[in-house]
Protein backbone atom coordinates (compact mmCIF):
# COMPACT_ATOMS: atom_id res chain seq x y z
CA MET A 1 0.17 -0.29 -0.38
CA LYS A 2 2.90 2.16 1.02
CA SER A 3 4.51 2.04 -2.90
CA LEU A 4 1.28 3.09 -4.13
CA THR A 5 0.75 6.13 -2.24
CA ASN A 6 4.77 6.32 -3.45
CA TRP A 7 4.15 6.22 -6.85
CA LYS A 8 0.94 8.59 -6.49
CA SER A 9 3.35 11.36 -5.05
CA ILE A 10 6.32 10.51 -8.30
CA LYS A 11 3.25 10.66 -10.88
CA SER A 12 2.14 14.06 -9.16
CA GLY A 13 5.57 15.41 -8.93
CA LEU A 14 6.20 14.46 -12.95
CA MET A 15 3.48 16.45 -13.94
CA LEU A 16 4.22 19.59 -12.21
CA PRO A 17 6.82 20.00 -14.95
CA CYS A 18 5.32 19.32 -17.39
CA LEU A 19 2.25 21.75 -16.88
CA LEU A 20 4.73 24.17 -16.21
CA ALA A 21 6.78 23.32 -19.47
CA LEU A 22 3.46 23.81 -21.42
CA ALA A 23 2.02 27.10 -19.60
CA SER A 24 5.28 28.55 -20.46
CA CYS A 25 5.45 27.40 -24.26
CA SER A 26 1.36 29.49 -24.27
CA THR A 27 2.19 33.07 -24.98
CA ASN A 28 0.12 36.18 -25.10
CA GLU A 29 2.02 38.01 -27.22
CA SER A 30 0.36 39.14 -31.17
CA VAL A 31 1.51 37.85 -34.08
CA ARG A 32 3.18 41.05 -36.47
CA TYR A 33 1.30 40.79 -39.47
CA HIS A 34 2.90 42.24 -42.92
CA THR A 35 0.30 43.75 -45.28
CA LEU A 36 2.05 43.51 -48.58
CA LYS A 37 1.81 46.76 -50.72
CA PRO A 38 1.17 46.25 -54.36
CA ASN A 39 4.70 47.52 -56.26
CA PRO A 40 3.25 49.83 -58.70
CA ILE A 41 4.11 49.57 -62.36
CA ILE A 42 6.53 51.77 -64.19
CA CYS A 43 5.67 50.78 -67.60
CA PRO A 44 4.69 52.77 -70.19
CA LYS A 45 1.00 52.95 -70.27
CA ARG A 46 0.66 53.16 -73.67
CA LEU A 47 1.77 51.83 -76.96
CA GLU A 48 2.08 54.13 -79.82
CA CYS A 49 2.49 52.38 -83.19
CA GLN A 50 1.70 54.52 -85.77
CA THR A 51 0.74 54.09 -89.84
CA PRO A 52 3.56 56.93 -91.28
CA ALA A 53 1.63 59.20 -93.74
CA THR A 54 1.97 58.66 -97.18
CA GLU A 55 1.43 60.32 -100.52
CA ILE A 56 2.66 57.98 -102.77
CA ASN A 57 3.11 59.30 -106.88
CA THR A 58 5.89 58.11 -108.22
CA ASN A 59 7.90 54.86 -107.56
CA GLY A 60 10.80 57.09 -105.30
CA ASP A 61 7.52 57.88 -102.82
CA LEU A 62 6.85 53.86 -102.94
CA VAL A 63 10.38 53.19 -101.83
CA LYS A 64 10.38 55.90 -99.55
CA ALA A 65 7.05 55.00 -98.33
CA LEU A 66 8.50 51.28 -97.80
CA ASP A 67 11.75 52.38 -95.83
CA LYS A 68 9.69 54.47 -93.62
CA SER A 69 6.55 51.17 -93.20
CA LEU A 70 9.61 48.97 -92.54
CA ASN A 71 11.64 51.43 -90.06
CA THR A 72 8.25 51.96 -87.84
CA ILE A 73 7.45 48.52 -87.70
CA GLU A 74 10.74 47.65 -86.26
CA VAL A 75 10.65 51.04 -84.00
CA CYS A 76 7.12 48.97 -82.46
CA GLN A 77 8.83 45.71 -82.30
CA VAL A 78 10.90 47.10 -79.77
CA ILE A 79 8.74 49.19 -78.00
CA ILE A 80 6.43 45.86 -77.36
CA GLU A 81 9.74 44.02 -76.33
CA SER A 82 10.63 46.78 -73.81
CA PHE A 83 6.94 46.71 -72.66
CA GLU A 84 6.83 42.85 -72.25
CA HIS A 85 9.97 42.75 -70.51
CA CYS A 86 8.98 45.55 -68.21
CA ILE A 87 5.82 43.81 -66.92
CA GLU A 88 8.01 39.86 -66.93
CA GLN A 89 11.02 42.17 -64.47
CA TYR A 90 7.68 43.45 -62.54
CA ASN A 91 6.34 39.70 -62.09
CA LYS A 92 9.97 38.50 -61.04
CA ILE A 93 9.69 41.40 -58.49
CA ASN A 94 6.55 40.43 -56.89
CA GLN A 95 7.20 36.92 -57.38
CA ALA A 96 10.65 37.36 -54.60
CA SER A 97 8.33 39.89 -52.25
CA ASN A 98 5.04 37.34 -52.06
CA ARG A 99 8.44 34.28 -51.15
CA LEU A 100 9.34 36.63 -48.51
CA PHE A 101 6.07 37.40 -46.71
CA ASN A 102 4.01 34.24 -47.66
CA LYS A 103 0.05 34.83 -46.70
CA ASP A 104 -0.10 31.12 -45.96
CA ASP A 105 2.54 31.31 -42.99
CA TYR A 106 0.41 33.92 -41.07
CA VAL A 107 -2.91 32.62 -39.60
CA ARG A 108 -5.10 35.08 -39.01
CA PRO A 109 -6.27 35.79 -35.28
CA ASN A 110 -9.77 34.96 -34.15
C-alpha cells in the first residue's frame, strides 16, 4: 500500500514540471502581420505605333513609304519587346516579395 502512495506522489511530481513547461509555451503575444503593398508598374501606359502618313505619286515615293513603314515596324517591335520585358521584371519582383511574406505562413487571429 505504501508503494502505491509513493507512486502517486511521483506521478504528481512529474506532472507539475510538464504542466509548467506547457504553460510557458503559450503566450499572449500578438503576431505581427506584414501588409503587402503592391508595387507600382513603371512601364509605359501606351504603346504608340502609328502608321506613317504617305502620299505616293511616283516609284520613289513608294520606296520612301516602304522604308518608313519598315522603320516604323522595327520601332514598334522594340516598344512591344521592352513593354513585355518590363512586365516580366515586374512579375519577378512581385514573386520575390511574395516569397518573403507568404500569406499562408500567417494565421489570422479569431
